[in-house]
Amino acid sequence: MTNTMSPAAAGGSATGILGRVAAIGATIGRFPLAIHQMLFRLAVAGVFLRAGLDKVRSWESTVALFRDEYKVPVLPPELAAVMASSVEIGCSLLLVAGLATRLATLPMLGMILTIQLFVYPQAWPEHLVWGSILLFLLTRGGGAISLDRLIGLEAVDTAAIRSGARH
């Protein structure tokens, strides 16, 4: 007995499979960008905020680390420790709120670059992840779920909305 069902009807053709994959991709692509932006802000803020709070909790150890292990060039260890803690805590809080998001990413990117070049060059995989997320936030902003949007620091992209793009 022969099978009279065509490959396309059976769902076995390349076109049928590619069509299904494309449909799934289109559905997934409608996931709101604003949620990605909020999650990216929270993820990076979590890493930096924990590090900053740890520094503040054990200040003597922090200064010793900057003096003996980190050895950041040019800056005295005490000043480097204050600057690092301030950036980690202050910029993290801004990211959590989605306030001055683009501006808050700049010191964090500078800090990652400094750490990568002078302190832990072998930690490039983590730095690449954090830097990529921060670069995304720098170029795309905090998103619709942010104080930036609420107070008008980040404008609504009406052209993208009219064209059907999701934010």
N, C-alpha and C. Protein backbone atom coordinates (compact mmCIF):
# COMPACT_ATOMS: atom_id res chain seq x y z
N MET A 1 0.84 -1.16 0.00
CA MET A 1 0.00 0.00 0.00
C MET A 1 0.90 1.24 0.00
N THR A 2 0.61 2.18 -0.84
CA THR A 2 1.42 3.39 -0.94
C THR A 2 0.78 4.51 -0.14
N ASN A 3 1.64 5.37 0.33
CA ASN A 3 1.19 6.53 1.10
C ASN A 3 0.84 7.62 0.11
N THR A 4 -0.41 8.07 0.12
CA THR A 4 -0.84 9.09 -0.82
C THR A 4 -0.71 10.49 -0.25
N MET A 5 -0.27 10.59 0.99
CA MET A 5 -0.12 11.91 1.63
C MET A 5 1.18 12.55 1.14
N SER A 6 1.12 13.79 0.72
CA SER A 6 2.32 14.49 0.24
C SER A 6 3.23 14.81 1.41
N PRO A 7 4.56 15.00 1.16
CA PRO A 7 5.48 15.37 2.24
C PRO A 7 5.07 16.67 2.93
N ALA A 8 4.54 17.63 2.13
CA ALA A 8 4.14 18.90 2.73
C ALA A 8 2.97 18.70 3.69
N ALA A 9 2.00 17.84 3.28
CA ALA A 9 0.84 17.59 4.13
C ALA A 9 1.26 16.83 5.37
N ALA A 10 2.26 15.99 5.26
CA ALA A 10 2.75 15.23 6.40
C ALA A 10 3.62 16.08 7.31
N GLY A 11 3.95 17.29 6.88
CA GLY A 11 4.79 18.17 7.68
C GLY A 11 6.25 17.82 7.61
N GLY A 12 6.63 17.02 6.63
CA GLY A 12 8.01 16.58 6.57
C GLY A 12 8.86 17.33 5.57
N SER A 13 8.31 18.21 4.80
CA SER A 13 9.13 18.91 3.83
C SER A 13 9.96 20.00 4.50
N ALA A 14 11.02 20.36 3.83
CA ALA A 14 11.88 21.42 4.35
C ALA A 14 11.12 22.72 4.48
N THR A 15 10.24 22.99 3.52
CA THR A 15 9.46 24.22 3.56
C THR A 15 8.53 24.23 4.76
N GLY A 16 7.90 23.11 5.06
CA GLY A 16 7.01 23.03 6.21
C GLY A 16 7.74 23.26 7.52
N ILE A 17 8.89 22.65 7.65
CA ILE A 17 9.69 22.81 8.87
C ILE A 17 10.18 24.25 8.99
N LEU A 18 10.70 24.78 7.89
CA LEU A 18 11.19 26.16 7.92
C LEU A 18 10.07 27.14 8.21
N GLY A 19 8.89 26.86 7.68
CA GLY A 19 7.73 27.71 7.96
C GLY A 19 7.37 27.71 9.43
N ARG A 20 7.41 26.52 10.02
CA ARG A 20 7.11 26.43 11.46
C ARG A 20 8.17 27.14 12.30
N VAL A 21 9.43 26.95 11.94
CA VAL A 21 10.51 27.63 12.66
C VAL A 21 10.36 29.14 12.53
N ALA A 22 10.03 29.60 11.31
CA ALA A 22 9.84 31.05 11.11
C ALA A 22 8.66 31.56 11.93
N ALA A 23 7.60 30.78 12.01
CA ALA A 23 6.43 31.21 12.79
C ALA A 23 6.77 31.28 14.28
N ILE A 24 7.51 30.30 14.76
CA ILE A 24 7.94 30.33 16.17
C ILE A 24 8.84 31.54 16.41
N GLY A 25 9.77 31.79 15.48
CA GLY A 25 10.66 32.94 15.61
C GLY A 25 9.89 34.25 15.63
N ALA A 26 8.86 34.35 14.78
CA ALA A 26 8.06 35.57 14.75
C ALA A 26 7.31 35.76 16.06
N THR A 27 6.80 34.68 16.62
CA THR A 27 6.09 34.76 17.91
C THR A 27 7.04 35.18 19.02
N ILE A 28 8.20 34.54 19.09
CA ILE A 28 9.19 34.89 20.12
C ILE A 28 9.66 36.33 19.93
N GLY A 29 9.78 36.78 18.69
CA GLY A 29 10.24 38.13 18.39
C GLY A 29 9.30 39.22 18.88
N ARG A 30 8.08 38.84 19.21
CA ARG A 30 7.12 39.84 19.73
C ARG A 30 7.25 40.05 21.23
N PHE A 31 8.19 39.35 21.87
CA PHE A 31 8.40 39.55 23.31
C PHE A 31 8.85 40.99 23.52
N PRO A 32 8.25 41.70 24.45
CA PRO A 32 8.53 43.14 24.61
C PRO A 32 9.99 43.44 24.96
N LEU A 33 10.58 44.33 24.20
CA LEU A 33 11.95 44.76 24.43
C LEU A 33 12.10 45.41 25.81
N ALA A 34 11.06 46.07 26.28
CA ALA A 34 11.11 46.73 27.59
C ALA A 34 11.41 45.75 28.71
N ILE A 35 10.95 44.53 28.58
CA ILE A 35 11.22 43.53 29.62
C ILE A 35 12.69 43.12 29.57
N HIS A 36 13.23 42.96 28.37
CA HIS A 36 14.68 42.68 28.24
C HIS A 36 15.48 43.79 28.90
N GLN A 37 15.13 45.03 28.60
CA GLN A 37 15.86 46.17 29.13
C GLN A 37 15.80 46.20 30.66
N MET A 38 14.62 45.93 31.22
CA MET A 38 14.49 45.92 32.67
C MET A 38 15.34 44.78 33.27
N LEU A 39 15.27 43.60 32.69
CA LEU A 39 16.04 42.47 33.20
C LEU A 39 17.54 42.72 33.08
N PHE A 40 17.97 43.32 31.98
CA PHE A 40 19.40 43.65 31.81
C PHE A 40 19.83 44.63 32.89
N ARG A 41 19.00 45.65 33.15
CA ARG A 41 19.34 46.63 34.20
C ARG A 41 19.49 45.95 35.55
N LEU A 42 18.53 45.09 35.87
CA LEU A 42 18.55 44.41 37.17
C LEU A 42 19.71 43.43 37.29
N ALA A 43 20.03 42.73 36.21
CA ALA A 43 21.11 41.74 36.25
C ALA A 43 22.46 42.40 36.52
N VAL A 44 22.77 43.44 35.77
CA VAL A 44 24.06 44.11 35.96
C VAL A 44 24.09 44.84 37.30
N ALA A 45 22.99 45.47 37.65
CA ALA A 45 22.94 46.18 38.92
C ALA A 45 23.17 45.21 40.08
N GLY A 46 22.62 44.02 39.98
CA GLY A 46 22.80 43.03 41.04
C GLY A 46 24.25 42.68 41.27
N VAL A 47 24.99 42.49 40.19
CA VAL A 47 26.41 42.14 40.30
C VAL A 47 27.19 43.29 40.93
N PHE A 48 27.00 44.48 40.41
CA PHE A 48 27.78 45.63 40.87
C PHE A 48 27.36 46.08 42.27
N LEU A 49 26.07 46.05 42.57
CA LEU A 49 25.61 46.48 43.88
C LEU A 49 26.15 45.56 44.98
N ARG A 50 26.11 44.26 44.75
CA ARG A 50 26.68 43.32 45.74
C ARG A 50 28.15 43.60 45.98
N ALA A 51 28.90 43.83 44.90
CA ALA A 51 30.34 44.11 45.03
C ALA A 51 30.57 45.40 45.81
N GLY A 52 29.79 46.43 45.52
CA GLY A 52 29.95 47.70 46.23
C GLY A 52 29.61 47.60 47.70
N LEU A 53 28.53 46.90 48.01
CA LEU A 53 28.15 46.73 49.42
C LEU A 53 29.17 45.89 50.17
N ASP A 54 29.73 44.88 49.52
CA ASP A 54 30.80 44.09 50.15
C ASP A 54 32.01 44.96 50.47
N LYS A 55 32.35 45.85 49.56
CA LYS A 55 33.49 46.75 49.78
C LYS A 55 33.24 47.63 51.00
N VAL A 56 32.05 48.19 51.10
CA VAL A 56 31.73 49.10 52.19
C VAL A 56 31.67 48.36 53.53
N ARG A 57 31.16 47.14 53.53
CA ARG A 57 31.03 46.35 54.77
C ARG A 57 32.38 46.05 55.42
N SER A 58 33.38 45.83 54.60
CA SER A 58 34.71 45.50 55.15
C SER A 58 35.73 46.46 54.55
N TRP A 59 35.63 47.71 54.98
CA TRP A 59 36.41 48.79 54.36
C TRP A 59 37.92 48.59 54.46
N GLU A 60 38.40 48.14 55.62
CA GLU A 60 39.86 47.96 55.79
C GLU A 60 40.36 46.92 54.79
N SER A 61 39.62 45.84 54.63
CA SER A 61 40.00 44.79 53.67
C SER A 61 39.95 45.32 52.24
N THR A 62 38.96 46.16 51.97
CA THR A 62 38.82 46.73 50.63
C THR A 62 40.03 47.58 50.27
N VAL A 63 40.43 48.45 51.17
CA VAL A 63 41.59 49.31 50.92
C VAL A 63 42.84 48.45 50.77
N ALA A 64 42.97 47.41 51.59
CA ALA A 64 44.12 46.50 51.48
C ALA A 64 44.13 45.80 50.12
N LEU A 65 42.95 45.40 49.64
CA LEU A 65 42.86 44.77 48.31
C LEU A 65 43.32 45.73 47.22
N PHE A 66 42.87 46.97 47.30
CA PHE A 66 43.27 47.96 46.29
C PHE A 66 44.77 48.24 46.37
N ARG A 67 45.32 48.19 47.58
CA ARG A 67 46.75 48.46 47.75
C ARG A 67 47.60 47.26 47.30
N ASP A 68 47.20 46.05 47.71
CA ASP A 68 48.07 44.88 47.55
C ASP A 68 47.77 44.01 46.33
N GLU A 69 46.50 43.94 45.91
CA GLU A 69 46.16 43.05 44.81
C GLU A 69 45.75 43.80 43.54
N TYR A 70 44.81 44.72 43.67
CA TYR A 70 44.29 45.40 42.48
C TYR A 70 45.33 46.32 41.85
N LYS A 71 46.02 47.08 42.68
CA LYS A 71 47.10 47.98 42.23
C LYS A 71 46.71 48.79 40.99
N VAL A 72 45.58 49.48 41.09
CA VAL A 72 45.13 50.33 39.99
C VAL A 72 46.16 51.43 39.78
N PRO A 73 46.62 51.62 38.54
CA PRO A 73 47.65 52.63 38.30
C PRO A 73 47.13 54.05 38.55
N VAL A 74 48.03 54.92 38.92
CA VAL A 74 47.83 56.36 39.08
C VAL A 74 47.10 56.73 40.38
N LEU A 75 46.03 56.03 40.73
CA LEU A 75 45.22 56.41 41.90
C LEU A 75 45.74 55.78 43.19
N PRO A 76 45.73 56.55 44.28
CA PRO A 76 46.04 55.94 45.58
C PRO A 76 44.94 54.92 45.93
N PRO A 77 45.29 53.86 46.65
CA PRO A 77 44.32 52.80 46.95
C PRO A 77 43.04 53.30 47.64
N GLU A 78 43.18 54.25 48.55
CA GLU A 78 42.01 54.76 49.27
C GLU A 78 41.04 55.45 48.31
N LEU A 79 41.57 56.27 47.41
CA LEU A 79 40.74 56.97 46.44
C LEU A 79 40.11 55.98 45.45
N ALA A 80 40.90 55.02 44.98
CA ALA A 80 40.37 54.02 44.05
C ALA A 80 39.24 53.23 44.72
N ALA A 81 39.37 52.89 45.99
CA ALA A 81 38.34 52.15 46.71
C ALA A 81 37.06 52.96 46.84
N VAL A 82 37.20 54.25 47.16
CA VAL A 82 36.03 55.13 47.27
C VAL A 82 35.35 55.26 45.92
N MET A 83 36.13 55.48 44.87
CA MET A 83 35.55 55.64 43.54
C MET A 83 34.84 54.36 43.09
N ALA A 84 35.48 53.22 43.28
CA ALA A 84 34.89 51.95 42.86
C ALA A 84 33.59 51.69 43.61
N SER A 85 33.60 51.87 44.92
CA SER A 85 32.39 51.64 45.72
C SER A 85 31.28 52.59 45.32
N SER A 86 31.62 53.83 45.10
CA SER A 86 30.62 54.83 44.71
C SER A 86 29.98 54.49 43.37
N VAL A 87 30.80 54.11 42.41
CA VAL A 87 30.28 53.73 41.09
C VAL A 87 29.40 52.49 41.21
N GLU A 88 29.90 51.49 41.92
CA GLU A 88 29.15 50.24 42.02
C GLU A 88 27.79 50.43 42.68
N ILE A 89 27.75 51.18 43.76
CA ILE A 89 26.49 51.38 44.48
C ILE A 89 25.62 52.42 43.77
N GLY A 90 26.18 53.57 43.47
CA GLY A 90 25.40 54.65 42.87
C GLY A 90 24.83 54.31 41.51
N CYS A 91 25.66 53.80 40.63
CA CYS A 91 25.19 53.47 39.28
C CYS A 91 24.23 52.28 39.29
N SER A 92 24.44 51.34 40.22
CA SER A 92 23.52 50.21 40.34
C SER A 92 22.13 50.68 40.74
N LEU A 93 22.07 51.60 41.69
CA LEU A 93 20.77 52.11 42.12
C LEU A 93 20.07 52.86 40.99
N LEU A 94 20.84 53.60 40.21
CA LEU A 94 20.26 54.27 39.04
C LEU A 94 19.71 53.26 38.04
N LEU A 95 20.45 52.18 37.81
CA LEU A 95 19.98 51.16 36.86
C LEU A 95 18.72 50.47 37.37
N VAL A 96 18.67 50.16 38.66
CA VAL A 96 17.47 49.51 39.22
C VAL A 96 16.25 50.39 38.97
N ALA A 97 16.40 51.68 39.19
CA ALA A 97 15.28 52.61 38.99
C ALA A 97 15.05 52.92 37.52
N GLY A 98 16.04 52.67 36.70
CA GLY A 98 15.93 53.07 35.30
C GLY A 98 16.01 54.58 35.16
N LEU A 99 16.81 55.19 36.00
CA LEU A 99 16.98 56.65 36.01
C LEU A 99 18.37 57.00 35.51
N ALA A 100 18.45 57.85 34.50
CA ALA A 100 19.72 58.22 33.88
C ALA A 100 20.48 56.96 33.46
N THR A 101 19.75 56.04 32.89
CA THR A 101 20.30 54.72 32.54
C THR A 101 21.52 54.83 31.65
N ARG A 102 21.41 55.59 30.58
CA ARG A 102 22.53 55.70 29.63
C ARG A 102 23.77 56.29 30.32
N LEU A 103 23.56 57.31 31.12
CA LEU A 103 24.65 57.95 31.84
C LEU A 103 25.27 56.99 32.86
N ALA A 104 24.44 56.22 33.55
CA ALA A 104 24.93 55.30 34.57
C ALA A 104 25.79 54.19 34.00
N THR A 105 25.59 53.85 32.74
CA THR A 105 26.39 52.77 32.14
C THR A 105 27.84 53.19 31.90
N LEU A 106 28.08 54.46 31.69
CA LEU A 106 29.42 54.92 31.32
C LEU A 106 30.48 54.65 32.37
N PRO A 107 30.27 55.04 33.65
CA PRO A 107 31.30 54.71 34.65
C PRO A 107 31.47 53.21 34.85
N MET A 108 30.37 52.48 34.71
CA MET A 108 30.45 51.02 34.88
C MET A 108 31.27 50.39 33.75
N LEU A 109 31.07 50.87 32.53
CA LEU A 109 31.89 50.39 31.40
C LEU A 109 33.36 50.74 31.62
N GLY A 110 33.62 51.96 32.13
CA GLY A 110 34.99 52.35 32.42
C GLY A 110 35.61 51.48 33.50
N MET A 111 34.82 51.12 34.47
CA MET A 111 35.31 50.27 35.55
C MET A 111 35.63 48.86 35.02
N ILE A 112 34.75 48.33 34.20
CA ILE A 112 34.99 47.00 33.61
C ILE A 112 36.27 47.03 32.77
N LEU A 113 36.44 48.06 31.99
CA LEU A 113 37.63 48.18 31.16
C LEU A 113 38.90 48.25 32.01
N THR A 114 38.85 49.03 33.09
CA THR A 114 40.00 49.13 33.99
C THR A 114 40.33 47.79 34.63
N ILE A 115 39.30 47.11 35.11
CA ILE A 115 39.52 45.80 35.74
C ILE A 115 40.09 44.82 34.73
N GLN A 116 39.54 44.84 33.51
CA GLN A 116 40.00 43.92 32.47
C GLN A 116 41.47 44.18 32.12
N LEU A 117 41.84 45.43 31.98
CA LEU A 117 43.20 45.77 31.54
C LEU A 117 44.24 45.64 32.64
N PHE A 118 43.87 46.02 33.88
CA PHE A 118 44.90 46.14 34.92
C PHE A 118 44.79 45.16 36.09
N VAL A 119 43.63 44.55 36.28
CA VAL A 119 43.45 43.75 37.48
C VAL A 119 43.24 42.27 37.16
N TYR A 120 42.21 41.94 36.42
CA TYR A 120 41.88 40.54 36.13
C TYR A 120 41.69 40.32 34.63
N PRO A 121 42.77 40.32 33.86
CA PRO A 121 42.61 40.13 32.41
C PRO A 121 42.06 38.76 32.04
N GLN A 122 42.21 37.78 32.92
CA GLN A 122 41.70 36.44 32.63
C GLN A 122 40.18 36.36 32.80
N ALA A 123 39.56 37.36 33.37
CA ALA A 123 38.11 37.35 33.62
C ALA A 123 37.32 37.93 32.45
N TRP A 124 37.89 37.88 31.26
CA TRP A 124 37.23 38.49 30.11
C TRP A 124 35.85 37.91 29.79
N PRO A 125 35.57 36.63 30.06
CA PRO A 125 34.20 36.17 29.74
C PRO A 125 33.12 36.91 30.55
N GLU A 126 33.35 37.11 31.84
CA GLU A 126 32.39 37.86 32.65
C GLU A 126 32.33 39.31 32.21
N HIS A 127 33.48 39.88 31.96
CA HIS A 127 33.53 41.28 31.55
C HIS A 127 32.83 41.48 30.20
N LEU A 128 32.96 40.52 29.32
CA LEU A 128 32.30 40.60 28.02
C LEU A 128 30.78 40.57 28.19
N VAL A 129 30.29 39.72 29.07
CA VAL A 129 28.84 39.66 29.32
C VAL A 129 28.36 40.98 29.90
N TRP A 130 28.99 41.43 30.97
CA TRP A 130 28.56 42.68 31.61
C TRP A 130 28.69 43.86 30.66
N GLY A 131 29.81 43.92 29.95
CA GLY A 131 30.02 45.02 29.00
C GLY A 131 29.00 45.02 27.88
N SER A 132 28.65 43.84 27.39
CA SER A 132 27.65 43.75 26.32
C SER A 132 26.29 44.25 26.78
N ILE A 133 25.91 43.85 27.99
CA ILE A 133 24.63 44.30 28.54
C ILE A 133 24.65 45.82 28.72
N LEU A 134 25.74 46.34 29.27
CA LEU A 134 25.84 47.79 29.48
C LEU A 134 25.86 48.55 28.16
N LEU A 135 26.53 48.00 27.16
CA LEU A 135 26.55 48.64 25.84
C LEU A 135 25.15 48.67 25.24
N PHE A 136 24.41 47.59 25.41
CA PHE A 136 23.02 47.56 24.94
C PHE A 136 22.21 48.66 25.62
N LEU A 137 22.34 48.78 26.94
CA LEU A 137 21.60 49.81 27.68
C LEU A 137 22.04 51.21 27.29
N LEU A 138 23.33 51.37 27.04
CA LEU A 138 23.83 52.68 26.60
C LEU A 138 23.21 53.08 25.27
N THR A 139 23.13 52.14 24.36
CA THR A 139 22.65 52.47 23.01
C THR A 139 21.13 52.43 22.88
N ARG A 140 20.45 51.66 23.74
CA ARG A 140 18.99 51.52 23.61
C ARG A 140 18.22 52.16 24.76
N GLY A 141 18.90 52.48 25.86
CA GLY A 141 18.23 53.13 26.98
C GLY A 141 17.60 52.14 27.93
N GLY A 142 16.96 52.68 28.96
CA GLY A 142 16.38 51.87 30.02
C GLY A 142 15.07 51.21 29.67
N GLY A 143 14.40 51.67 28.63
CA GLY A 143 13.17 51.04 28.18
C GLY A 143 11.92 51.67 28.77
N ALA A 144 10.80 51.10 28.37
CA ALA A 144 9.49 51.63 28.76
C ALA A 144 9.21 51.45 30.25
N ILE A 145 9.85 50.45 30.87
CA ILE A 145 9.65 50.21 32.30
C ILE A 145 10.81 50.86 33.06
N SER A 146 10.85 52.19 33.02
CA SER A 146 11.95 52.92 33.66
C SER A 146 11.48 54.32 34.05
N LEU A 147 12.17 54.89 35.02
CA LEU A 147 11.88 56.29 35.37
C LEU A 147 12.29 57.21 34.22
N ASP A 148 13.30 56.82 33.46
CA ASP A 148 13.70 57.63 32.30
C ASP A 148 12.49 57.88 31.39
N ARG A 149 11.74 56.84 31.10
CA ARG A 149 10.57 56.98 30.23
C ARG A 149 9.49 57.80 30.92
N LEU A 150 9.28 57.55 32.22
CA LEU A 150 8.23 58.23 32.96
C LEU A 150 8.44 59.74 33.00
N ILE A 151 9.69 60.17 33.17
CA ILE A 151 9.94 61.62 33.28
C ILE A 151 10.38 62.25 31.96
N GLY A 152 10.44 61.45 30.90
CA GLY A 152 10.71 62.00 29.58
C GLY A 152 12.17 62.04 29.17
N LEU A 153 13.07 61.42 29.95
CA LEU A 153 14.48 61.37 29.54
C LEU A 153 14.67 60.43 28.35
N GLU A 154 13.76 59.49 28.23
CA GLU A 154 13.80 58.57 27.10
C GLU A 154 12.47 58.70 26.37
N ALA A 155 12.52 59.19 25.17
CA ALA A 155 11.30 59.44 24.42
C ALA A 155 10.70 58.14 23.89
N VAL A 156 9.41 58.16 23.72
CA VAL A 156 8.72 57.04 23.09
C VAL A 156 9.02 57.10 21.60
N ASP A 157 9.41 55.98 21.03
CA ASP A 157 9.73 55.92 19.60
C ASP A 157 8.43 55.71 18.82
N THR A 158 7.76 56.81 18.52
CA THR A 158 6.46 56.71 17.86
C THR A 158 6.57 56.15 16.45
N ALA A 159 7.67 56.40 15.76
CA ALA A 159 7.83 55.85 14.41
C ALA A 159 7.89 54.33 14.46
N ALA A 160 8.59 53.79 15.44
CA ALA A 160 8.68 52.34 15.58
C ALA A 160 7.33 51.75 15.95
N ILE A 161 6.57 52.45 16.79
CA ILE A 161 5.25 51.96 17.19
C ILE A 161 4.33 51.93 15.98
N ARG A 162 4.37 52.99 15.17
CA ARG A 162 3.51 53.03 13.96
C ARG A 162 3.87 51.91 12.99
N SER A 163 5.16 51.56 12.93
CA SER A 163 5.57 50.52 11.98
C SER A 163 5.32 49.12 12.53
N GLY A 164 4.86 49.02 13.78
CA GLY A 164 4.53 47.72 14.35
C GLY A 164 5.61 47.12 15.21
N ALA A 165 6.73 47.80 15.42
CA ALA A 165 7.80 47.28 16.26
C ALA A 165 7.36 47.30 17.71
N ARG A 166 7.78 46.30 18.47
CA ARG A 166 7.44 46.21 19.89
C ARG A 166 8.51 46.85 20.74
N HIS A 167 8.10 47.52 21.80
CA HIS A 167 9.05 48.10 22.76
C HIS A 167 8.76 47.62 24.12
